[in-house]
Every structure is written in C-alpha cells, then in structure tokens.
Amino acid sequence: MAKTIALLTAVLMCALSAPTASLRAQDAHPDFTGVYYPINPFGNVGRGAATPPPPAPTQGGAVPPPRPVLVLDGREGRPENAPKLTAQYLAKWEVIRKSRMAGSDEYDPNVRCIPAGMPNMMSMTYGMEVQQTKDRITIYGELNDVYRRIYLDGRKPSAKVLDDPTFAGYSTGRWEGDTLVVDTVAIREDALFDSFSPHSDQFTVRERIRFASPGVLEDQITDMDPKALVEPFHSVRTYRKAAPPTDELREFSCAEGLSSVK
C-alpha cells in the first residue's frame, strides 16, 4: 500500500511540474543584455571608400571603442552595393549628393547633431547598451543619443504612433527559437538609411537578431519600401560584447544641432 501511494505521489508531482517546465522552456530566450561595439562599424561602404583600421588593443588586451565617424558625400557616385532605388528616389539621392558635395549640412545628421534613422542607426559606431526584460528590449546608442524600444508583449502601433513617425520608428518583436524577429514602422521620411539613401513614408525594416557565437551579436536587416526600392535591401551588422572596464558608454552632448531640426 505504501509503495502504491508513493508511486501515485511521484506521478502527480511529475504531472504538476510539467506545465512549469514547459513555461520555463518557453521563457528560455537568449539574454542580449550588455554593452556592445560594432565589429565593422562602417560596414561594406562601397566602391572607393577606405575603411579605417580597427583600433589597436590597449594594455591588457582590451580594445577601446571606435571613435571615428565615416562621412560619404557621394562624389564617387553611387556604390554598386547600395540599395537599388526607383527613378524617383534616385533623383532625390542626386539632390542629396550635390548638397553634400557642396559642403552643406542640410542632409548630414551627424553635423546637425540628430540621430541617424533606422536602420542606419544600428551601425552603432560608438557602441550601444542593450537592456532586456520579458516585455521589452531597450537599446541606447552613444552617438547622437540613439534610443530604441522593442516591445515584446504583443502590442501593435496605434494610429497616433503611425501618424507621428520618429527616427527610431516603432519596433515590435517576437521570438523564433533563439532569434528575435523585429518589425519597425513609422520611421521619419527625412531620416536617411544606408549611407544616405532616401525613402518614402511606406518604408519598413525587419531585423533578425541572434547570437552568431558566444558574445557576438548579429543583426540581419531587411529594408522594404514599395515606392523607393526596386527590391528589398539586405545587410548584416555584427557586434562584440564588451567586458569591464570597456563596457562604459559616454554621454554624447551635441544638443546645439537640434535648433536646425524642423
């Protein structure tokens, strides 16, 4: 009798613990929390553009965060690996190119001290800090105080959000195994992407973010725009997680440029 009771108790305990184990497995997503620096901060910048060498390790082997900001003015033409623009938006790009070549800061967010738009802000030239909870991921980038939130609780952008686009746009995410799939909408039309490609009000971005290897975060980015792009544009950004004492971002103070934003 005692053995029968013990067996029934064991079976009951297994039955009760099964849902808990299942819920725990569902919540077992990667934790991206940490400070990261881009492995190649300028990406594949295209024909004729020289990529600055990576910073040399300091004493103890730590690599300091990159500080240069690459500026392209288009004087060598449009790179072969740039997004393929429709004729209407290629004409817009020509206007931007001529403005930059003339030395104007009208289309240069860095000079105007404003954030780059999505997804160009994910170059994270000076590094970024990721804070992750169950319901949202917050990303802070040092250069021009980039700030993003990715909502993971199933919410959708409201009409108010869609009518008020921002540089970072509005991001919602869902998990597919160990990969975070993020969709971003409501991105400001005057926020250039790629090196400095224009886009329309129908521009959207999809990201697939995962650990490519321990401590290396990968962001596969797909840009879509039925008005401005001939075809979706794909790019990949990779970042290496920092360890103390190089895991400290600094304040970026450039507020004077905001006076020129309309």
C-alpha atoms as a PDB file:
ATOM      1  CA  MET A   1       0.000   0.000   0.000  1.00  0.00           C
ATOM      2  CA  ALA A   2       2.799   2.385   0.932  1.00  0.00           C
ATOM      3  CA  LYS A   3       4.576   1.676  -2.372  1.00  0.00           C
ATOM      4  CA  THR A   4       1.343   2.374  -4.304  1.00  0.00           C
ATOM      5  CA  ILE A   5       0.870   5.711  -2.527  1.00  0.00           C
ATOM      6  CA  ALA A   6       4.497   6.671  -3.197  1.00  0.00           C
ATOM      7  CA  LEU A   7       4.124   5.819  -6.886  1.00  0.00           C
ATOM      8  CA  LEU A   8       0.906   7.821  -7.222  1.00  0.00           C
ATOM      9  CA  THR A   9       2.560  10.764  -5.466  1.00  0.00           C
ATOM     10  CA  ALA A  10       5.509  10.674  -7.867  1.00  0.00           C
ATOM     11  CA  VAL A  11       3.192  10.559 -10.884  1.00  0.00           C
ATOM     12  CA  LEU A  12       1.183  13.505  -9.502  1.00  0.00           C
ATOM     13  CA  MET A  13       4.314  15.565  -8.883  1.00  0.00           C
ATOM     14  CA  CYS A  14       5.508  14.940 -12.450  1.00  0.00           C
ATOM     15  CA  ALA A  15       2.119  15.990 -13.820  1.00  0.00           C
ATOM     16  CA  LEU A  16       2.129  19.197 -11.773  1.00  0.00           C
ATOM     17  CA  SER A  17       5.702  20.098 -12.710  1.00  0.00           C
ATOM     18  CA  ALA A  18       5.235  19.509 -16.450  1.00  0.00           C
ATOM     19  CA  PRO A  19       3.412  22.816 -17.135  1.00  0.00           C
ATOM     20  CA  THR A  20       6.002  24.699 -15.090  1.00  0.00           C
ATOM     21  CA  ALA A  21       8.818  23.106 -17.057  1.00  0.00           C
ATOM     22  CA  SER A  22       7.018  23.909 -20.306  1.00  0.00           C
ATOM     23  CA  LEU A  23       6.562  27.561 -19.322  1.00  0.00           C
ATOM     24  CA  ARG A  24      10.189  27.734 -18.278  1.00  0.00           C
ATOM     25  CA  ALA A  25      11.235  26.373 -21.680  1.00  0.00           C
ATOM     26  CA  GLN A  26       9.087  28.991 -23.446  1.00  0.00           C
ATOM     27  CA  ASP A  27      10.817  31.762 -21.472  1.00  0.00           C
ATOM     28  CA  ALA A  28      14.309  30.408 -22.150  1.00  0.00           C
ATOM     29  CA  HIS A  29      15.221  33.055 -24.717  1.00  0.00           C
ATOM     30  CA  PRO A  30      18.724  34.475 -25.103  1.00  0.00           C
ATOM     31  CA  ASP A  31      19.504  37.473 -22.917  1.00  0.00           C
ATOM     32  CA  PHE A  32      21.068  40.219 -25.038  1.00  0.00           C
ATOM     33  CA  THR A  33      21.711  42.494 -22.039  1.00  0.00           C
ATOM     34  CA  GLY A  34      25.132  44.137 -22.182  1.00  0.00           C
ATOM     35  CA  VAL A  35      27.314  46.713 -23.918  1.00  0.00           C
ATOM     36  CA  TYR A  36      28.406  46.000 -27.497  1.00  0.00           C
ATOM     37  CA  TYR A  37      30.768  47.554 -30.020  1.00  0.00           C
ATOM     38  CA  PRO A  38      30.492  47.004 -33.787  1.00  0.00           C
ATOM     39  CA  ILE A  39      32.983  44.566 -35.255  1.00  0.00           C
ATOM     40  CA  ASN A  40      32.978  46.538 -38.522  1.00  0.00           C
ATOM     41  CA  PRO A  41      31.432  49.920 -37.651  1.00  0.00           C
ATOM     42  CA  PHE A  42      31.312  51.168 -41.236  1.00  0.00           C
ATOM     43  CA  GLY A  43      30.048  48.002 -42.876  1.00  0.00           C
ATOM     44  CA  ASN A  44      30.706  47.459 -46.570  1.00  0.00           C
ATOM     45  CA  VAL A  45      30.811  51.127 -47.529  1.00  0.00           C
ATOM     46  CA  GLY A  46      31.233  50.548 -51.249  1.00  0.00           C
ATOM     47  CA  ARG A  47      33.487  51.327 -54.137  1.00  0.00           C
ATOM     48  CA  GLY A  48      36.496  53.530 -53.423  1.00  0.00           C
ATOM     49  CA  ALA A  49      35.740  54.190 -49.758  1.00  0.00           C
ATOM     50  CA  ALA A  50      38.521  53.249 -47.409  1.00  0.00           C
ATOM     51  CA  THR A  51      37.556  51.647 -44.124  1.00  0.00           C
ATOM     52  CA  PRO A  52      39.661  52.947 -41.219  1.00  0.00           C
ATOM     53  CA  PRO A  53      41.763  50.280 -39.492  1.00  0.00           C
ATOM     54  CA  PRO A  54      40.396  48.811 -36.260  1.00  0.00           C
ATOM     55  CA  PRO A  55      41.642  50.366 -33.007  1.00  0.00           C
ATOM     56  CA  ALA A  56      44.733  48.771 -31.509  1.00  0.00           C
ATOM     57  CA  PRO A  57      44.393  46.806 -28.246  1.00  0.00           C
ATOM     58  CA  THR A  58      45.340  48.666 -25.113  1.00  0.00           C
ATOM     59  CA  GLN A  59      47.420  47.262 -22.257  1.00  0.00           C
ATOM     60  CA  GLY A  60      45.806  44.067 -21.075  1.00  0.00           C
ATOM     61  CA  GLY A  61      44.307  43.269 -24.495  1.00  0.00           C
ATOM     62  CA  ALA A  62      41.175  45.426 -24.198  1.00  0.00           C
ATOM     63  CA  VAL A  63      40.015  47.070 -27.438  1.00  0.00           C
ATOM     64  CA  PRO A  64      38.807  50.648 -26.954  1.00  0.00           C
ATOM     65  CA  PRO A  65      35.522  51.665 -28.572  1.00  0.00           C
ATOM     66  CA  PRO A  66      35.797  53.123 -32.095  1.00  0.00           C
ATOM     67  CA  ARG A  67      35.510  56.899 -32.303  1.00  0.00           C
ATOM     68  CA  PRO A  68      35.736  57.964 -35.970  1.00  0.00           C
ATOM     69  CA  VAL A  69      32.573  58.647 -37.964  1.00  0.00           C
ATOM     70  CA  LEU A  70      32.787  57.903 -41.683  1.00  0.00           C
ATOM     71  CA  VAL A  71      31.127  60.530 -43.866  1.00  0.00           C
ATOM     72  CA  LEU A  72      30.328  59.805 -47.511  1.00  0.00           C
ATOM     73  CA  ASP A  73      29.485  62.686 -49.819  1.00  0.00           C
ATOM     74  CA  GLY A  74      28.773  60.729 -52.994  1.00  0.00           C
ATOM     75  CA  ARG A  75      31.484  62.353 -55.087  1.00  0.00           C
ATOM     76  CA  GLU A  76      32.481  58.892 -56.408  1.00  0.00           C
ATOM     77  CA  GLY A  77      28.932  58.117 -57.470  1.00  0.00           C
ATOM     78  CA  ARG A  78      26.530  55.598 -56.046  1.00  0.00           C
ATOM     79  CA  PRO A  79      28.240  52.407 -54.798  1.00  0.00           C
ATOM     80  CA  GLU A  80      27.383  49.220 -56.683  1.00  0.00           C
ATOM     81  CA  ASN A  81      26.330  47.533 -53.431  1.00  0.00           C
ATOM     82  CA  ALA A  82      23.979  50.370 -52.380  1.00  0.00           C
ATOM     83  CA  PRO A  83      20.208  49.846 -52.250  1.00  0.00           C
ATOM     84  CA  LYS A  84      18.612  49.910 -55.717  1.00  0.00           C
ATOM     85  CA  LEU A  85      16.405  52.996 -55.820  1.00  0.00           C
ATOM     86  CA  THR A  86      13.496  53.675 -58.154  1.00  0.00           C
ATOM     87  CA  ALA A  87      13.993  56.503 -60.654  1.00  0.00           C
ATOM     88  CA  GLN A  88      12.043  58.957 -58.491  1.00  0.00           C
ATOM     89  CA  TYR A  89      14.169  58.318 -55.420  1.00  0.00           C
ATOM     90  CA  LEU A  90      17.416  58.091 -57.334  1.00  0.00           C
ATOM     91  CA  ALA A  91      16.680  61.674 -58.409  1.00  0.00           C
ATOM     92  CA  LYS A  92      16.195  62.581 -54.744  1.00  0.00           C
ATOM     93  CA  TRP A  93      19.542  60.963 -53.954  1.00  0.00           C
ATOM     94  CA  GLU A  94      21.207  63.118 -56.627  1.00  0.00           C
ATOM     95  CA  VAL A  95      19.895  66.229 -54.859  1.00  0.00           C
ATOM     96  CA  ILE A  96      21.320  64.974 -51.561  1.00  0.00           C
ATOM     97  CA  ARG A  97      24.632  64.083 -53.192  1.00  0.00           C
ATOM     98  CA  LYS A  98      25.063  67.514 -54.767  1.00  0.00           C
ATOM     99  CA  SER A  99      24.203  69.176 -51.466  1.00  0.00           C
ATOM    100  CA  ARG A 100      26.819  67.167 -49.586  1.00  0.00           C
ATOM    101  CA  MET A 101      29.462  67.702 -52.238  1.00  0.00           C
ATOM    102  CA  ALA A 102      28.830  71.437 -51.927  1.00  0.00           C
ATOM    103  CA  GLY A 103      29.619  71.213 -48.224  1.00  0.00           C
ATOM    104  CA  SER A 104      26.060  71.743 -46.977  1.00  0.00           C
ATOM    105  CA  ASP A 105      24.934  70.085 -43.743  1.00  0.00           C
ATOM    106  CA  GLU A 106      21.273  70.009 -44.839  1.00  0.00           C
ATOM    107  CA  TYR A 107      21.306  66.236 -45.299  1.00  0.00           C
ATOM    108  CA  ASP A 108      24.013  65.304 -42.789  1.00  0.00           C
ATOM    109  CA  PRO A 109      22.549  64.146 -39.454  1.00  0.00           C
ATOM    110  CA  ASN A 110      25.965  63.945 -37.778  1.00  0.00           C
ATOM    111  CA  VAL A 111      26.743  67.605 -38.428  1.00  0.00           C
ATOM    112  CA  ARG A 112      23.225  68.576 -37.347  1.00  0.00           C
ATOM    113  CA  CYS A 113      23.579  66.506 -34.153  1.00  0.00           C
ATOM    114  CA  ILE A 114      20.488  64.415 -34.772  1.00  0.00           C
ATOM    115  CA  PRO A 115      20.173  60.630 -34.701  1.00  0.00           C
ATOM    116  CA  ALA A 116      20.514  58.570 -37.832  1.00  0.00           C
ATOM    117  CA  GLY A 117      17.247  56.938 -38.825  1.00  0.00           C
ATOM    118  CA  MET A 118      16.527  53.246 -38.694  1.00  0.00           C
ATOM    119  CA  PRO A 119      18.263  51.088 -39.724  1.00  0.00           C
ATOM    120  CA  ASN A 120      21.361  53.236 -40.257  1.00  0.00           C
ATOM    121  CA  MET A 121      21.437  53.983 -36.525  1.00  0.00           C
ATOM    122  CA  MET A 122      22.249  50.312 -35.950  1.00  0.00           C
ATOM    123  CA  SER A 123      25.780  50.948 -37.190  1.00  0.00           C
ATOM    124  CA  MET A 124      26.229  51.982 -33.526  1.00  0.00           C
ATOM    125  CA  THR A 125      29.633  53.469 -34.337  1.00  0.00           C
ATOM    126  CA  TYR A 126      30.388  54.452 -30.727  1.00  0.00           C
ATOM    127  CA  GLY A 127      28.783  51.375 -29.180  1.00  0.00           C
ATOM    128  CA  MET A 128      25.395  50.514 -27.713  1.00  0.00           C
ATOM    129  CA  GLU A 129      23.892  49.237 -24.468  1.00  0.00           C
ATOM    130  CA  VAL A 130      21.078  46.679 -24.509  1.00  0.00           C
ATOM    131  CA  GLN A 131      18.704  46.211 -21.577  1.00  0.00           C
ATOM    132  CA  GLN A 132      16.305  43.277 -21.808  1.00  0.00           C
ATOM    133  CA  THR A 133      13.199  42.345 -19.824  1.00  0.00           C
ATOM    134  CA  LYS A 134      10.397  39.913 -20.597  1.00  0.00           C
ATOM    135  CA  ASP A 135       8.196  42.558 -22.237  1.00  0.00           C
ATOM    136  CA  ARG A 136      10.668  44.886 -23.954  1.00  0.00           C
ATOM    137  CA  ILE A 137      14.222  45.494 -25.073  1.00  0.00           C
ATOM    138  CA  THR A 138      15.722  48.966 -24.767  1.00  0.00           C
ATOM    139  CA  ILE A 139      18.741  49.954 -26.864  1.00  0.00           C
ATOM    140  CA  TYR A 140      20.824  53.062 -26.188  1.00  0.00           C
ATOM    141  CA  GLY A 141      23.483  54.124 -28.685  1.00  0.00           C
ATOM    142  CA  GLU A 142      26.134  56.646 -27.665  1.00  0.00           C
ATOM    143  CA  LEU A 143      26.444  58.524 -30.979  1.00  0.00           C
ATOM    144  CA  ASN A 144      23.831  61.299 -31.064  1.00  0.00           C
ATOM    145  CA  ASP A 145      21.958  59.653 -28.168  1.00  0.00           C
ATOM    146  CA  VAL A 146      20.204  56.943 -30.182  1.00  0.00           C
ATOM    147  CA  TYR A 147      17.308  55.394 -28.267  1.00  0.00           C
ATOM    148  CA  ARG A 148      15.117  52.431 -29.275  1.00  0.00           C
ATOM    149  CA  ARG A 149      12.480  50.287 -27.640  1.00  0.00           C
ATOM    150  CA  ILE A 150      11.402  46.914 -28.982  1.00  0.00           C
ATOM    151  CA  TYR A 151       8.098  45.759 -27.487  1.00  0.00           C
ATOM    152  CA  LEU A 152       7.746  42.014 -26.919  1.00  0.00           C
ATOM    153  CA  ASP A 153       4.295  41.871 -25.299  1.00  0.00           C
ATOM    154  CA  GLY A 154       2.228  41.628 -28.469  1.00  0.00           C
ATOM    155  CA  ARG A 155       1.177  45.271 -28.712  1.00  0.00           C
ATOM    156  CA  LYS A 156       0.667  46.922 -32.088  1.00  0.00           C
ATOM    157  CA  PRO A 157       1.378  50.506 -33.172  1.00  0.00           C
ATOM    158  CA  SER A 158      -1.615  52.779 -32.682  1.00  0.00           C
ATOM    159  CA  ALA A 159      -2.937  55.252 -35.273  1.00  0.00           C
ATOM    160  CA  LYS A 160      -1.356  58.034 -33.198  1.00  0.00           C
ATOM    161  CA  VAL A 161       2.062  56.339 -33.462  1.00  0.00           C
ATOM    162  CA  LEU A 162       1.715  55.775 -37.200  1.00  0.00           C
ATOM    163  CA  ASP A 163       0.819  59.441 -37.695  1.00  0.00           C
ATOM    164  CA  ASP A 164       3.862  60.617 -35.716  1.00  0.00           C
ATOM    165  CA  PRO A 165       6.968  58.949 -37.229  1.00  0.00           C
ATOM    166  CA  THR A 166      10.308  59.156 -35.425  1.00  0.00           C
ATOM    167  CA  PHE A 167      13.965  58.500 -36.216  1.00  0.00           C
ATOM    168  CA  ALA A 168      13.920  55.101 -34.498  1.00  0.00           C
ATOM    169  CA  GLY A 169      10.402  54.266 -35.618  1.00  0.00           C
ATOM    170  CA  TYR A 170       8.136  51.916 -33.666  1.00  0.00           C
ATOM    171  CA  SER A 171       9.517  48.407 -33.114  1.00  0.00           C
ATOM    172  CA  THR A 172       7.728  45.226 -32.089  1.00  0.00           C
ATOM    173  CA  GLY A 173       9.380  41.838 -31.732  1.00  0.00           C
ATOM    174  CA  ARG A 174       8.676  38.155 -31.385  1.00  0.00           C
ATOM    175  CA  TRP A 175      10.879  35.138 -30.734  1.00  0.00           C
ATOM    176  CA  GLU A 176      11.533  32.386 -33.251  1.00  0.00           C
ATOM    177  CA  GLY A 177      13.624  29.991 -31.200  1.00  0.00           C
ATOM    178  CA  ASP A 178      16.808  31.827 -30.259  1.00  0.00           C
ATOM    179  CA  THR A 179      16.240  34.570 -32.867  1.00  0.00           C
ATOM    180  CA  LEU A 180      14.432  37.834 -32.167  1.00  0.00           C
ATOM    181  CA  VAL A 181      12.391  38.983 -35.181  1.00  0.00           C
ATOM    182  CA  VAL A 182      11.743  42.735 -35.090  1.00  0.00           C
ATOM    183  CA  ASP A 183       9.458  44.789 -37.329  1.00  0.00           C
ATOM    184  CA  THR A 184       9.862  48.574 -37.358  1.00  0.00           C
ATOM    185  CA  VAL A 185       7.384  51.037 -38.858  1.00  0.00           C
ATOM    186  CA  ALA A 186       6.654  54.783 -38.566  1.00  0.00           C
ATOM    187  CA  ILE A 187      10.179  55.918 -39.482  1.00  0.00           C
ATOM    188  CA  ARG A 188      10.645  59.587 -40.346  1.00  0.00           C
ATOM    189  CA  GLU A 189      10.704  60.136 -44.083  1.00  0.00           C
ATOM    190  CA  ASP A 190      13.635  62.561 -43.777  1.00  0.00           C
ATOM    191  CA  ALA A 191      15.740  60.014 -41.856  1.00  0.00           C
ATOM    192  CA  LEU A 192      18.146  58.628 -44.446  1.00  0.00           C
ATOM    193  CA  PHE A 193      19.123  54.965 -44.431  1.00  0.00           C
ATOM    194  CA  ASP A 194      22.126  53.031 -45.736  1.00  0.00           C
ATOM    195  CA  SER A 195      24.897  55.612 -46.261  1.00  0.00           C
ATOM    196  CA  PHE A 196      22.433  58.323 -47.262  1.00  0.00           C
ATOM    197  CA  SER A 197      19.602  56.796 -49.280  1.00  0.00           C
ATOM    198  CA  PRO A 198      16.165  58.458 -49.216  1.00  0.00           C
ATOM    199  CA  HIS A 199      12.951  56.515 -48.587  1.00  0.00           C
ATOM    200  CA  SER A 200       9.189  57.059 -48.585  1.00  0.00           C
ATOM    201  CA  ASP A 201       6.547  57.032 -45.855  1.00  0.00           C
ATOM    202  CA  GLN A 202       5.984  53.324 -46.608  1.00  0.00           C
ATOM    203  CA  PHE A 203       9.489  52.329 -45.532  1.00  0.00           C
ATOM    204  CA  THR A 204       9.698  49.416 -43.070  1.00  0.00           C
ATOM    205  CA  VAL A 205      12.533  47.411 -41.556  1.00  0.00           C
ATOM    206  CA  ARG A 206      12.700  43.783 -40.440  1.00  0.00           C
ATOM    207  CA  GLU A 207      15.559  42.518 -38.253  1.00  0.00           C
ATOM    208  CA  ARG A 208      16.587  39.028 -37.182  1.00  0.00           C
ATOM    209  CA  ILE A 209      18.800  39.366 -34.123  1.00  0.00           C
ATOM    210  CA  ARG A 210      20.678  36.455 -32.569  1.00  0.00           C
ATOM    211  CA  PHE A 211      23.967  35.383 -31.056  1.00  0.00           C
ATOM    212  CA  ALA A 212      26.065  34.194 -34.001  1.00  0.00           C
ATOM    213  CA  SER A 213      28.607  32.859 -31.499  1.00  0.00           C
ATOM    214  CA  PRO A 214      29.259  33.430 -27.787  1.00  0.00           C
ATOM    215  CA  GLY A 215      29.452  37.172 -27.184  1.00  0.00           C
ATOM    216  CA  VAL A 216      28.904  38.074 -30.857  1.00  0.00           C
ATOM    217  CA  LEU A 217      25.507  39.594 -31.666  1.00  0.00           C
ATOM    218  CA  GLU A 218      24.288  39.514 -35.272  1.00  0.00           C
ATOM    219  CA  ASP A 219      21.583  41.750 -36.753  1.00  0.00           C
ATOM    220  CA  GLN A 220      20.304  40.684 -40.184  1.00  0.00           C
ATOM    221  CA  ILE A 221      18.447  43.682 -41.612  1.00  0.00           C
ATOM    222  CA  THR A 222      15.954  43.822 -44.478  1.00  0.00           C
ATOM    223  CA  ASP A 223      14.717  47.225 -45.701  1.00  0.00           C
ATOM    224  CA  MET A 224      11.443  47.339 -47.664  1.00  0.00           C
ATOM    225  CA  ASP A 225       9.797  50.227 -49.485  1.00  0.00           C
ATOM    226  CA  PRO A 226       7.404  49.749 -52.445  1.00  0.00           C
ATOM    227  CA  LYS A 227       7.898  53.376 -53.531  1.00  0.00           C
ATOM    228  CA  ALA A 228      11.635  53.910 -53.112  1.00  0.00           C
ATOM    229  CA  LEU A 229      13.234  50.485 -53.537  1.00  0.00           C
ATOM    230  CA  VAL A 230      13.330  48.311 -56.634  1.00  0.00           C
ATOM    231  CA  GLU A 231      13.822  45.302 -54.338  1.00  0.00           C
ATOM    232  CA  PRO A 232      14.310  44.711 -50.595  1.00  0.00           C
ATOM    233  CA  PHE A 233      17.780  45.603 -49.389  1.00  0.00           C
ATOM    234  CA  HIS A 234      19.629  43.191 -47.076  1.00  0.00           C
ATOM    235  CA  SER A 235      22.562  43.956 -44.797  1.00  0.00           C
ATOM    236  CA  VAL A 236      24.182  42.431 -41.718  1.00  0.00           C
ATOM    237  CA  ARG A 237      25.646  44.124 -38.641  1.00  0.00           C
ATOM    238  CA  THR A 238      27.715  42.311 -36.025  1.00  0.00           C
ATOM    239  CA  TYR A 239      28.731  43.439 -32.550  1.00  0.00           C
ATOM    240  CA  ARG A 240      31.059  42.071 -29.882  1.00  0.00           C
ATOM    241  CA  LYS A 241      30.005  42.154 -26.244  1.00  0.00           C
ATOM    242  CA  ALA A 242      32.315  44.226 -24.041  1.00  0.00           C
ATOM    243  CA  ALA A 243      33.715  43.287 -20.661  1.00  0.00           C
ATOM    244  CA  PRO A 244      34.806  45.611 -17.846  1.00  0.00           C
ATOM    245  CA  PRO A 245      36.342  48.139 -17.987  1.00  0.00           C
ATOM    246  CA  THR A 246      35.426  48.793 -21.651  1.00  0.00           C
ATOM    247  CA  ASP A 247      31.674  48.348 -21.063  1.00  0.00           C
ATOM    248  CA  GLU A 248      31.044  52.018 -20.265  1.00  0.00           C
ATOM    249  CA  LEU A 249      29.373  54.320 -22.769  1.00  0.00           C
ATOM    250  CA  ARG A 250      29.862  58.076 -22.501  1.00  0.00           C
ATOM    251  CA  GLU A 251      27.475  60.996 -22.688  1.00  0.00           C
ATOM    252  CA  PHE A 252      27.180  62.461 -26.155  1.00  0.00           C
ATOM    253  CA  SER A 253      26.414  66.177 -25.880  1.00  0.00           C
ATOM    254  CA  CYS A 254      25.556  67.792 -29.199  1.00  0.00           C
ATOM    255  CA  ALA A 255      22.240  69.464 -28.431  1.00  0.00           C
ATOM    256  CA  GLU A 256      23.086  72.679 -30.242  1.00  0.00           C
ATOM    257  CA  GLY A 257      22.375  70.988 -33.550  1.00  0.00           C
ATOM    258  CA  LEU A 258      18.750  70.385 -32.611  1.00  0.00           C
ATOM    259  CA  SER A 259      17.962  74.032 -33.319  1.00  0.00           C
ATOM    260  CA  SER A 260      18.246  73.291 -37.040  1.00  0.00           C
ATOM    261  CA  VAL A 261      15.698  70.440 -36.981  1.00  0.00           C
ATOM    262  CA  LYS A 262      12.295  71.417 -38.343  1.00  0.00           C
END
